């Protein structure tokens, strides 16, 4: 009994400091609000407490089914309007719950004094001998009631909640701090789930997280939006309800935590969120979940055919747990969508996920009839890097100069372009030359378009349609360091695959995306 008595006394001190500054008036509840609960929908319900605040009323109701629900009414055009209601922010059960609004809070454990407008929600034991739970919400300048304090018999200590931090105190009569945990979480009275909030420092360490920093060379870039709180959405590995779903088919995200958004595709958005501090997840949710006026960018994927060069696990959490979503066998075909550090974001049959980039191989150029250069070391270079367009006075390209290159990896498994500089060669274009090159315009910037005029394509794709006036195109590979200081070069290399005819002329060319470009 000692612990209970101690808790009662200390809570009484806390409440004494609060109640002295209470701004509770004996104003009766407006009849218009009372009548709101007189309909059939509220049969058996009773109003158990009310609290007046600057521009509205809080009304605590116990439904016919015994649920405690808090309603917030605000004035609009001379009428009282129910602006929101919540049961998740209110203690449940048969024990007495009371509410009041105060203009000041003084807390013994934190040795702090707060001024403002606060809603206090308290739950007592069945005999009202002591407080079981005390929570306080502060009205922000933007009109939100944000959780700032919790005191409960479970922890017998105070919890101070700030914007992105939670501090746990040792006891109500001590200012000593157990620890502070950083993380993003829901504080808004409208959406918070009080029962889900971590009551101990240990639970907070496990549950609360912050958005991760992506690898510097990641092609995936994240945006953060403030989603409407208190909602949950099913998460799929790909933008398709028939795709594989993590969490044993039950993956879902709560908007009460942080959500990173990477872009939208066909009515879906790619997100990352946390399950706990050791487990995060990438996946897709309905784009309708985005807040109004949120402008999520379109996903900008390069789609490159590849195969698994070994048996490898596919994960939807490459940065933390690396838990297995599915697995690939050697030779399984996939499509490379994007790169994130050492990870390749891929699409397979009915799923999307991440594998180490080194676990992928790309179809042999020779198998598709493309030209391959074998270097002095025996390494094969299957890509052709165009470094110069050769054209006549009418801008008709009749030849290209370039070198062969390949995708290679270093000792740490990081990819880079390995160029065979000794392979520098000039190829004439065949009379029937044609190409499929990256489209410089249109709704899908990654789509290929048929090209026969390389000069016109280059002007549109790289110079925004503005041809150089009064001079030739200048290529950076042709310039010395001294020339680079005074000349604005227009050209950067274009990587392709080429097919040669029997005259060693380029008959067909295809743009090829490379991860280092």
Protein backbone atom coordinates (compact mmCIF):
# COMPACT_ATOMS: atom_id res chain seq x y z
CA UNK A 1 0.00 0.00 0.00
CA UNK A 2 2.93 2.37 0.47
CA UNK A 3 3.46 2.86 -3.21
CA UNK A 4 -0.20 3.64 -3.80
CA UNK A 5 -0.33 6.16 -0.97
CA UNK A 6 2.85 7.82 -2.14
CA UNK A 7 1.44 8.12 -5.61
CA UNK A 8 -1.81 9.59 -4.29
CA UNK A 9 -0.02 12.26 -2.25
CA UNK A 10 2.31 13.29 -5.05
CA UNK A 11 -0.46 13.45 -7.58
CA UNK A 12 -2.42 15.60 -5.19
CA UNK A 13 0.49 18.06 -5.16
CA UNK A 14 0.55 18.14 -8.93
CA UNK A 15 -3.18 18.68 -9.17
CA UNK A 16 -3.13 21.33 -6.49
CA UNK A 17 -0.70 23.34 -8.58
CA UNK A 18 -2.95 22.89 -11.60
CA UNK A 19 -6.30 23.48 -9.96
CA UNK A 20 -5.28 26.78 -8.42
CA UNK A 21 -5.07 28.21 -11.94
CA UNK A 22 -8.14 26.46 -13.30
CA UNK A 23 -10.24 28.61 -15.64
CA UNK A 24 -13.35 26.50 -15.19
CA UNK A 25 -16.55 28.53 -15.18
CA UNK A 26 -19.95 27.56 -13.82
CA UNK A 27 -21.46 28.37 -17.19
CA UNK A 28 -24.21 25.94 -18.20
CA UNK A 29 -23.80 23.86 -21.34
CA UNK A 30 -25.70 25.51 -24.23
CA UNK A 31 -29.01 23.80 -24.96
CA UNK A 32 -28.02 23.42 -28.60
CA UNK A 33 -25.09 21.22 -27.58
CA UNK A 34 -27.15 19.24 -25.06
CA UNK A 35 -29.78 18.50 -27.70
CA UNK A 36 -27.04 17.15 -29.99
CA UNK A 37 -27.01 14.00 -27.85
CA UNK A 38 -30.77 13.52 -27.66
CA UNK A 39 -31.23 11.61 -30.93
CA UNK A 40 -31.62 7.88 -31.43
CA UNK A 41 -27.93 7.57 -32.28
CA UNK A 42 -27.12 8.48 -28.66
CA UNK A 43 -29.72 6.31 -26.96
CA UNK A 44 -28.49 5.36 -23.50
CA UNK A 45 -25.68 7.94 -23.61
CA UNK A 46 -25.09 10.42 -20.82
CA UNK A 47 -23.00 13.57 -20.49
CA UNK A 48 -20.55 12.95 -17.63
CA UNK A 49 -18.51 16.18 -17.69
CA UNK A 50 -18.03 19.44 -19.61
CA UNK A 51 -15.30 22.05 -19.93
CA UNK A 52 -15.58 25.55 -21.43
CA UNK A 53 -12.63 26.99 -23.31
CA UNK A 54 -12.03 30.26 -25.19
CA UNK A 55 -14.02 29.54 -28.31
CA UNK A 56 -15.69 26.25 -27.59
CA UNK A 57 -16.81 23.43 -25.33
CA UNK A 58 -15.48 19.98 -24.53
CA UNK A 59 -18.19 17.46 -23.69
CA UNK A 60 -17.40 14.05 -22.18
CA UNK A 61 -20.02 11.41 -22.96
CA UNK A 62 -20.44 7.82 -21.87
CA UNK A 63 -22.28 5.89 -24.55
CA UNK A 64 -24.94 3.27 -23.94
CA UNK A 65 -22.24 0.69 -24.53
CA UNK A 66 -20.02 2.16 -21.80
CA UNK A 67 -17.46 3.87 -24.05
CA UNK A 68 -16.04 7.26 -23.03
CA UNK A 69 -16.00 9.74 -25.92
CA UNK A 70 -14.78 13.35 -25.92
CA UNK A 71 -16.54 15.83 -28.23
CA UNK A 72 -15.22 19.25 -29.17
CA UNK A 73 -17.76 21.93 -30.18
CA UNK A 74 -16.85 25.25 -31.76
CA UNK A 75 -19.00 28.19 -32.86
CA UNK A 76 -19.63 28.65 -36.58
CA UNK A 77 -22.07 31.20 -38.07
CA UNK A 78 -23.82 31.53 -34.73
CA UNK A 79 -24.23 27.77 -34.26
CA UNK A 80 -22.39 25.16 -32.24
CA UNK A 81 -20.67 22.62 -34.51
CA UNK A 82 -19.07 19.33 -33.52
CA UNK A 83 -15.54 19.84 -34.89
CA UNK A 84 -14.22 16.43 -33.82
CA UNK A 85 -14.68 13.57 -31.38
CA UNK A 86 -12.30 10.96 -30.00
CA UNK A 87 -12.40 7.93 -27.75
CA UNK A 88 -8.74 6.96 -28.22
CA UNK A 89 -7.48 9.96 -26.25
CA UNK A 90 -9.81 9.16 -23.34
CA UNK A 91 -9.25 6.50 -20.64
CA UNK A 92 -11.79 3.70 -20.94
CA UNK A 93 -13.50 1.53 -18.37
CA UNK A 94 -15.99 2.15 -15.59
CA UNK A 95 -13.75 4.36 -13.48
CA UNK A 96 -14.53 8.08 -13.21
CA UNK A 97 -13.07 10.39 -15.86
CA UNK A 98 -13.07 14.16 -15.47
CA UNK A 99 -12.05 17.03 -17.77
CA UNK A 100 -11.30 20.71 -17.23
CA UNK A 101 -9.51 23.59 -18.95
CA UNK A 102 -6.83 25.64 -17.18
CA UNK A 103 -4.64 28.60 -18.07
CA UNK A 104 -1.55 27.39 -16.23
CA UNK A 105 0.20 24.18 -15.22
CA UNK A 106 2.97 23.81 -12.64
CA UNK A 107 4.62 20.40 -12.47
CA UNK A 108 6.68 19.30 -9.50
CA UNK A 109 8.76 16.57 -11.15
CA UNK A 110 9.97 18.72 -14.03
CA UNK A 111 10.13 21.84 -11.84
CA UNK A 112 8.51 23.81 -14.64
CA UNK A 113 5.61 26.22 -14.95
CA UNK A 114 3.58 26.53 -18.15
CA UNK A 115 1.19 29.26 -19.22
CA UNK A 116 -1.31 28.92 -22.05
CA UNK A 117 -4.55 27.06 -22.49
CA UNK A 118 -4.62 23.42 -21.42
CA UNK A 119 -7.13 20.60 -21.43
CA UNK A 120 -6.63 18.20 -18.53
CA UNK A 121 -8.12 14.70 -18.61
CA UNK A 122 -8.01 12.70 -15.37
CA UNK A 123 -9.12 9.18 -14.48
CA UNK A 124 -9.74 8.14 -10.86
CA UNK A 125 -10.06 4.75 -9.25
CA UNK A 126 -13.55 3.46 -8.58
CA UNK A 127 -13.65 5.01 -5.09
CA UNK A 128 -12.00 8.26 -6.25
CA UNK A 129 -9.28 7.74 -3.68
CA UNK A 130 -6.45 8.39 -6.10
CA UNK A 131 -5.67 9.31 -9.68
CA UNK A 132 -4.89 6.51 -12.11
CA UNK A 133 -4.10 8.65 -15.15
CA UNK A 134 -3.46 12.34 -15.78
CA UNK A 135 -2.91 13.80 -19.27
CA UNK A 136 -2.63 17.41 -20.41
CA UNK A 137 -2.98 18.95 -23.87
CA UNK A 138 -1.84 22.46 -24.80
CA UNK A 139 -3.64 24.59 -27.40
CA UNK A 140 -1.17 25.61 -30.12
CA UNK A 141 -1.19 28.82 -32.15
CA UNK A 142 -2.51 26.79 -35.10
CA UNK A 143 -5.52 25.58 -33.12
CA UNK A 144 -4.37 22.04 -32.26
CA UNK A 145 -4.50 20.54 -28.78
CA UNK A 146 -1.13 18.80 -28.45
CA UNK A 147 -0.22 16.30 -25.72
CA UNK A 148 2.45 17.66 -23.35
CA UNK A 149 2.17 15.57 -20.15
CA UNK A 150 1.19 12.11 -18.93
CA UNK A 151 1.28 10.90 -15.33
CA UNK A 152 0.11 7.35 -14.63
CA UNK A 153 0.06 4.87 -11.80
CA UNK A 154 1.70 2.32 -14.13
CA UNK A 155 4.98 4.22 -14.29
CA UNK A 156 4.56 6.27 -11.08
CA UNK A 157 6.40 9.07 -12.86
CA UNK A 158 5.86 11.97 -15.23
CA UNK A 159 6.28 11.93 -18.99
CA UNK A 160 7.02 15.22 -20.74
CA UNK A 161 6.12 15.27 -24.44
CA UNK A 162 7.61 17.83 -26.81
CA UNK A 163 7.86 18.21 -30.56
CA UNK A 164 9.90 15.14 -31.50
CA UNK A 165 11.07 14.29 -27.96
CA UNK A 166 9.72 12.38 -24.96
CA UNK A 167 11.37 12.75 -21.53
CA UNK A 168 10.79 10.27 -18.70
CA UNK A 169 11.23 11.36 -15.05
CA UNK A 170 12.26 9.02 -12.25
CA UNK A 171 9.40 9.87 -9.90
CA UNK A 172 6.86 12.56 -9.17
CA UNK A 173 8.86 13.97 -6.28
CA UNK A 174 12.17 14.03 -8.15
CA UNK A 175 13.48 16.14 -10.99
CA UNK A 176 15.87 13.38 -12.07
CA UNK A 177 15.47 12.24 -15.68
CA UNK A 178 15.57 8.60 -16.72
CA UNK A 179 16.18 9.59 -20.32
CA UNK A 180 14.92 11.38 -23.41
CA UNK A 181 13.95 9.62 -26.62
CA UNK A 182 13.77 11.33 -30.00
CA UNK A 183 11.18 10.31 -32.54
CA UNK A 184 8.23 11.45 -34.60
CA UNK A 185 4.80 10.62 -33.22
CA UNK A 186 1.22 11.88 -33.09
CA UNK A 187 0.45 14.47 -30.40
CA UNK A 188 -2.80 15.90 -31.76
CA UNK A 189 -5.78 15.26 -29.45
CA UNK A 190 -7.93 14.44 -32.49
CA UNK A 191 -5.77 11.50 -33.55
CA UNK A 192 -3.63 10.32 -30.66
CA UNK A 193 -4.10 6.87 -29.17
CA UNK A 194 -3.32 7.26 -25.47
CA UNK A 195 -3.14 3.51 -24.87
CA UNK A 196 -0.54 3.13 -27.65
CA UNK A 197 1.73 5.87 -26.33
CA UNK A 198 4.87 4.34 -24.71
CA UNK A 199 4.55 4.74 -20.94
CA UNK A 200 8.12 3.71 -20.15
CA UNK A 201 11.53 4.82 -21.34
CA UNK A 202 12.33 1.28 -22.50
CA UNK A 203 9.20 1.05 -24.65
CA UNK A 204 9.87 4.47 -26.15
CA UNK A 205 13.40 3.42 -27.09
CA UNK A 206 11.95 0.46 -28.96
CA UNK A 207 8.98 2.17 -30.64
CA UNK A 208 9.91 5.76 -31.40
CA UNK A 209 11.96 6.41 -34.53
CA UNK A 210 13.00 9.19 -36.88
CA UNK A 211 13.16 9.11 -40.69
CA UNK A 212 16.45 7.61 -41.88
CA UNK A 213 19.08 9.40 -43.93
CA UNK A 214 19.27 7.80 -47.37
CA UNK A 215 22.65 6.96 -48.94
CA UNK A 216 24.21 9.99 -50.61
CA UNK A 217 24.17 8.41 -54.06
CA UNK A 218 20.57 7.21 -53.81
CA UNK A 219 18.44 7.74 -56.91
CA UNK A 220 15.38 7.52 -54.66
CA UNK A 221 14.64 10.83 -52.96
CA UNK A 222 12.14 11.31 -50.15
CA UNK A 223 9.55 13.93 -49.28
CA UNK A 224 7.72 14.18 -45.96
CA UNK A 225 4.07 15.16 -45.70
CA UNK A 226 1.84 15.59 -42.64
CA UNK A 227 -0.78 12.91 -43.20
CA UNK A 228 -4.18 13.06 -41.55
CA UNK A 229 -3.65 11.27 -38.25
CA UNK A 230 -5.47 8.32 -36.79
CA UNK A 231 -5.66 6.30 -40.00
CA UNK A 232 -4.15 3.07 -41.24
CA UNK A 233 -3.55 1.94 -44.82
CA UNK A 234 -2.66 -1.48 -46.25
CA UNK A 235 0.84 -1.59 -47.72
CA UNK A 236 1.77 -3.58 -50.84
CA UNK A 237 5.23 -4.28 -52.23
CA UNK A 238 4.22 -3.03 -55.70
CA UNK A 239 1.53 -0.64 -57.01
CA UNK A 240 -1.01 -3.44 -57.32
CA UNK A 241 -3.45 -4.95 -54.80
CA UNK A 242 -2.52 -8.38 -56.15
CA UNK A 243 1.18 -7.86 -55.41
CA UNK A 244 3.06 -9.48 -52.56
CA UNK A 245 2.34 -7.90 -49.18
CA UNK A 246 4.84 -7.91 -46.32
CA UNK A 247 4.11 -8.66 -42.69
CA UNK A 248 2.72 -12.09 -43.57
CA UNK A 249 0.20 -10.41 -45.83
CA UNK A 250 -0.88 -7.88 -43.17
CA UNK A 251 1.52 -4.96 -43.72
CA UNK A 252 -0.06 -1.61 -42.91
CA UNK A 253 1.10 1.88 -42.03
CA UNK A 254 -0.30 4.18 -39.35
CA UNK A 255 -0.43 7.90 -40.06
CA UNK A 256 0.37 8.54 -36.38
CA UNK A 257 4.05 8.08 -37.22
CA UNK A 258 6.35 9.59 -39.85
CA UNK A 259 5.99 8.58 -43.50
CA UNK A 260 8.51 9.26 -46.26
CA UNK A 261 7.06 9.58 -49.78
CA UNK A 262 9.24 8.84 -52.81
CA UNK A 263 6.72 9.52 -55.56
CA UNK A 264 3.50 8.39 -57.17
CA UNK A 265 2.68 5.93 -59.92
CA UNK A 266 -0.73 5.00 -61.35
CA UNK A 267 -2.71 6.02 -58.26
CA UNK A 268 -0.18 4.68 -55.74
CA UNK A 269 2.62 6.26 -53.72
CA UNK A 270 5.89 4.61 -52.73
CA UNK A 271 6.59 5.15 -49.03
CA UNK A 272 8.96 4.15 -46.24
CA UNK A 273 7.85 3.96 -42.60
CA UNK A 274 8.99 2.36 -39.36
CA UNK A 275 7.55 -0.64 -37.56
CA UNK A 276 10.01 -0.26 -34.67
CA UNK A 277 13.57 0.99 -34.26
CA UNK A 278 15.01 -2.14 -35.90
CA UNK A 279 12.47 -2.68 -38.66
CA UNK A 280 11.36 -0.28 -41.39
CA UNK A 281 9.51 -0.99 -44.63
CA UNK A 282 9.21 0.26 -48.22
CA UNK A 283 5.90 -0.27 -49.97
CA UNK A 284 2.94 1.26 -51.76
CA UNK A 285 -0.29 2.76 -50.43
CA UNK A 286 -3.25 4.40 -52.15
CA UNK A 287 -2.33 7.89 -53.40
CA UNK A 288 -5.71 9.09 -52.08
CA UNK A 289 -4.15 8.93 -48.60
CA UNK A 290 -2.01 11.98 -49.41
CA UNK A 291 -3.09 15.19 -47.68
CA UNK A 292 -4.97 17.69 -49.82
CA UNK A 293 -2.77 19.87 -52.04
CA UNK A 294 0.23 17.57 -51.45
CA UNK A 295 2.36 17.54 -54.58
CA UNK A 296 4.15 14.21 -54.73
CA UNK A 297 6.51 13.85 -57.67
CA UNK A 298 6.03 11.14 -60.28
CA UNK A 299 8.30 8.14 -59.80
CA UNK A 300 11.13 8.40 -62.31
CA UNK A 301 12.29 4.82 -62.89
CA UNK A 302 14.72 3.46 -65.42
CA UNK A 303 13.56 0.00 -66.48
CA UNK A 304 16.56 -2.19 -67.28
CA UNK A 305 16.29 -5.93 -67.88
CA UNK A 306 18.44 -8.02 -65.56
CA UNK A 307 18.73 -11.50 -64.04
CA UNK A 308 19.79 -12.74 -60.62
CA UNK A 309 23.35 -14.06 -60.83
CA UNK A 310 22.91 -16.02 -57.59
CA UNK A 311 20.29 -17.13 -55.11
CA UNK A 312 19.41 -13.97 -53.18
CA UNK A 313 16.82 -12.68 -50.71
CA UNK A 314 14.62 -9.74 -51.68
CA UNK A 315 13.89 -7.31 -48.84
CA UNK A 316 11.50 -4.39 -48.32
CA UNK A 317 13.79 -3.05 -45.56
CA UNK A 318 17.30 -2.58 -47.02
CA UNK A 319 18.48 -0.01 -44.45
CA UNK A 320 17.68 -1.84 -41.19
CA UNK A 321 16.40 -5.38 -40.66
CA UNK A 322 16.92 -6.61 -44.24
CA UNK A 323 14.14 -9.08 -43.52
CA UNK A 324 13.19 -11.34 -46.41
CA UNK A 325 10.16 -10.44 -48.49
CA UNK A 326 10.74 -13.16 -51.09
CA UNK A 327 13.72 -14.84 -52.78
CA UNK A 328 15.22 -15.08 -56.25
CA UNK A 329 16.94 -18.11 -57.75
CA UNK A 330 19.92 -17.79 -60.06
CA UNK A 331 18.72 -16.82 -63.51
CA UNK A 332 15.37 -15.36 -62.42
CA UNK A 333 14.50 -12.37 -64.64
CA UNK A 334 13.81 -9.00 -63.00
CA UNK A 335 13.69 -5.34 -63.98
CA UNK A 336 16.07 -2.83 -62.41
CA UNK A 337 14.06 0.25 -61.41
CA UNK A 338 16.46 2.35 -59.36
CA UNK A 339 19.62 2.41 -57.24
CA UNK A 340 19.92 3.25 -53.53
CA UNK A 341 23.52 3.05 -52.40
CA UNK A 342 24.65 -0.56 -52.75
CA UNK A 343 21.04 -1.71 -53.21
CA UNK A 344 19.14 -2.26 -56.44
CA UNK A 345 15.39 -1.60 -56.39
CA UNK A 346 13.86 -4.25 -58.64
CA UNK A 347 10.56 -5.51 -59.95
CA UNK A 348 9.78 -9.20 -60.30
CA UNK A 349 6.67 -11.22 -60.91
CA UNK A 350 4.12 -9.74 -58.48
CA UNK A 351 6.54 -7.84 -56.24
CA UNK A 352 9.05 -5.02 -55.89
CA UNK A 353 11.92 -4.95 -53.44
CA UNK A 354 15.65 -4.55 -52.90
CA UNK A 355 18.62 -6.83 -53.59
CA UNK A 356 22.36 -6.07 -53.49
CA UNK A 357 23.33 -4.55 -56.83
CA UNK A 358 26.13 -7.09 -57.14
CA UNK A 359 23.57 -9.92 -57.18
CA UNK A 360 22.30 -8.78 -60.60
CA UNK A 361 23.64 -9.55 -64.06
CA UNK A 362 22.53 -7.87 -67.24
CA UNK A 363 21.74 -9.70 -70.49
CA UNK A 364 24.77 -10.25 -72.66
CA UNK A 365 25.02 -7.70 -75.44
CA UNK A 366 26.31 -10.43 -77.75
CA UNK A 367 23.18 -12.49 -77.17
CA UNK A 368 21.14 -9.60 -78.60
CA UNK A 369 23.55 -8.92 -81.45
CA UNK A 370 25.23 -5.86 -79.94
CA UNK A 371 28.89 -5.12 -80.43
CA UNK A 372 31.34 -6.14 -77.69
CA UNK A 373 34.96 -5.07 -77.25
CA UNK A 374 37.46 -7.37 -75.53
CA UNK A 375 40.20 -5.51 -73.69
CA UNK A 376 43.82 -6.52 -73.27
CA UNK A 377 42.99 -8.09 -69.89
CA UNK A 378 40.27 -10.24 -71.44
CA UNK A 379 37.45 -8.15 -69.91
CA UNK A 380 34.49 -7.61 -72.21
CA UNK A 381 33.01 -4.15 -72.68
CA UNK A 382 29.40 -4.32 -73.86
CA UNK A 383 28.39 -0.62 -73.85
CA UNK A 384 29.41 2.10 -76.32
CA UNK A 385 29.93 5.58 -74.92
CA UNK A 386 29.43 8.23 -77.60
CA UNK A 387 31.83 11.12 -77.14
CA UNK A 388 31.40 13.01 -80.37
CA UNK A 389 28.90 13.48 -83.18
CA UNK A 390 30.41 14.02 -86.63
CA UNK A 391 28.10 15.93 -88.97
CA UNK A 392 28.14 17.98 -92.18
CA UNK A 393 27.13 21.60 -92.83
CA UNK A 394 23.46 20.54 -92.88
CA UNK A 395 23.85 18.95 -89.44
CA UNK A 396 23.44 15.46 -90.82
CA UNK A 397 25.31 13.07 -88.51
CA UNK A 398 27.31 10.62 -90.61
CA UNK A 399 29.55 9.13 -87.91
CA UNK A 400 30.10 8.93 -84.14
CA UNK A 401 33.26 8.68 -82.05
CA UNK A 402 33.32 6.85 -78.76
CA UNK A 403 34.80 4.23 -76.47
CA UNK A 404 33.59 0.91 -75.07
CA UNK A 405 32.78 0.52 -71.40
CA UNK A 406 31.12 -1.87 -68.93
CA UNK A 407 29.58 -1.98 -65.48
CA UNK A 408 32.16 -3.01 -62.89
CA UNK A 409 32.34 -3.22 -59.10
CA UNK A 410 35.13 -2.42 -56.66
CA UNK A 411 36.25 -4.44 -53.64
CA UNK A 412 33.39 -3.07 -51.56
CA UNK A 413 30.81 -4.02 -54.17
CA UNK A 414 30.17 -0.46 -55.33
CA UNK A 415 29.46 -0.07 -59.04
CA UNK A 416 31.31 2.21 -61.45
CA UNK A 417 31.89 2.62 -65.18
CA UNK A 418 35.03 0.85 -66.38
CA UNK A 419 36.09 2.45 -69.69
CA UNK A 420 38.46 0.86 -72.19
CA UNK A 421 40.18 4.08 -73.27
CA UNK A 422 42.28 2.21 -75.83
CA UNK A 423 39.05 1.31 -77.64
CA UNK A 424 38.47 4.86 -78.96
CA UNK A 425 36.97 4.41 -82.41
CA UNK A 426 34.90 6.25 -85.01
CA UNK A 427 32.00 4.39 -86.65
CA UNK A 428 30.14 5.54 -89.75
CA UNK A 429 26.35 5.30 -89.67
CA UNK A 430 24.77 2.89 -92.13
CA UNK A 431 22.29 4.12 -94.74
CA UNK A 432 19.52 2.33 -92.85
CA UNK A 433 20.66 3.64 -89.47
CA UNK A 434 17.96 3.91 -86.83
CA UNK A 435 17.94 4.15 -83.03
CA UNK A 436 15.79 4.02 -79.93
CA UNK A 437 16.85 6.85 -77.63
CA UNK A 438 15.59 8.34 -74.42
CA UNK A 439 12.63 10.66 -75.02
CA UNK A 440 13.40 14.27 -74.02
CA UNK A 441 9.75 15.21 -73.59
CA UNK A 442 6.27 13.83 -73.02
CA UNK A 443 4.44 12.46 -69.95
CA UNK A 444 6.96 9.65 -69.50
CA UNK A 445 10.52 11.05 -69.68
CA UNK A 446 12.00 7.55 -69.53
CA UNK A 447 10.22 6.32 -72.65
CA UNK A 448 12.29 5.56 -75.74
CA UNK A 449 11.53 7.19 -79.06
CA UNK A 450 12.62 6.15 -82.57
CA UNK A 451 15.45 8.37 -83.86
CA UNK A 452 17.17 8.71 -87.23
CA UNK A 453 18.48 12.27 -86.78
CA UNK A 454 20.97 12.14 -83.90
CA UNK A 455 21.76 15.86 -84.11
CA UNK A 456 18.12 16.91 -83.69
CA UNK A 457 17.65 14.34 -80.90
CA UNK A 458 20.70 15.59 -79.04
CA UNK A 459 19.61 19.24 -79.30
CA UNK A 460 16.19 18.38 -77.86
CA UNK A 461 17.42 15.94 -75.21
CA UNK A 462 20.38 17.86 -73.85
CA UNK A 463 20.14 21.51 -74.94
CA UNK A 464 16.41 22.07 -74.36
CA UNK A 465 15.84 22.48 -78.10
CA UNK A 466 18.27 25.40 -78.47
CA UNK A 467 20.99 24.73 -81.02
CA UNK A 468 24.32 26.58 -80.61
CA UNK A 469 24.46 29.74 -82.72
CA UNK A 470 27.42 30.46 -84.98
CA UNK A 471 29.60 27.56 -83.89
CA UNK A 472 29.91 23.82 -83.75
CA UNK A 473 28.93 21.69 -80.80
CA UNK A 474 31.87 21.59 -78.41
CA UNK A 475 32.46 18.32 -76.58
CA UNK A 476 34.06 18.28 -73.17
CA UNK A 477 36.28 15.33 -74.08
CA UNK A 478 37.89 17.43 -76.85
CA UNK A 479 38.96 20.26 -74.53
CA UNK A 480 42.19 20.70 -72.64
CA UNK A 481 42.12 21.90 -69.02
CA UNK A 482 43.09 25.37 -70.23
CA UNK A 483 40.26 25.42 -72.78
CA UNK A 484 37.77 24.24 -70.15
CA UNK A 485 38.43 27.41 -68.15
CA UNK A 486 37.15 29.66 -70.95
CA UNK A 487 34.74 27.46 -72.91
CA UNK A 488 31.22 26.37 -72.04
CA UNK A 489 31.07 22.76 -73.26
CA UNK A 490 27.62 21.53 -74.32
CA UNK A 491 28.08 17.79 -74.43
CA UNK A 492 28.15 14.97 -71.93
CA UNK A 493 28.57 11.35 -72.87
CA UNK A 494 25.67 9.21 -74.03
CA UNK A 495 25.86 5.49 -73.30
CA UNK A 496 24.37 3.12 -75.87
CA UNK A 497 24.49 -0.37 -77.29
CA UNK A 498 25.22 -0.65 -81.00
CA UNK A 499 24.74 -3.25 -83.73
CA UNK A 500 27.21 -3.23 -86.61
CA UNK A 501 26.62 -4.45 -90.17
CA UNK A 502 29.13 -6.32 -92.32
CA UNK A 503 30.75 -2.98 -93.29
CA UNK A 504 31.41 -2.20 -89.62
CA UNK A 505 28.85 0.59 -89.73
CA UNK A 506 26.31 1.26 -87.01
CA UNK A 507 23.00 -0.06 -88.20
CA UNK A 508 21.08 0.19 -84.93
CA UNK A 509 21.68 2.02 -81.66
CA UNK A 510 19.82 1.81 -78.33
CA UNK A 511 20.17 4.18 -75.42
CA UNK A 512 21.31 2.33 -72.30
CA UNK A 513 20.85 3.70 -68.80
CA UNK A 514 23.85 3.23 -66.51
CA UNK A 515 23.68 3.69 -62.72
CA UNK A 516 26.59 6.11 -62.53
CA UNK A 517 25.17 8.49 -65.17
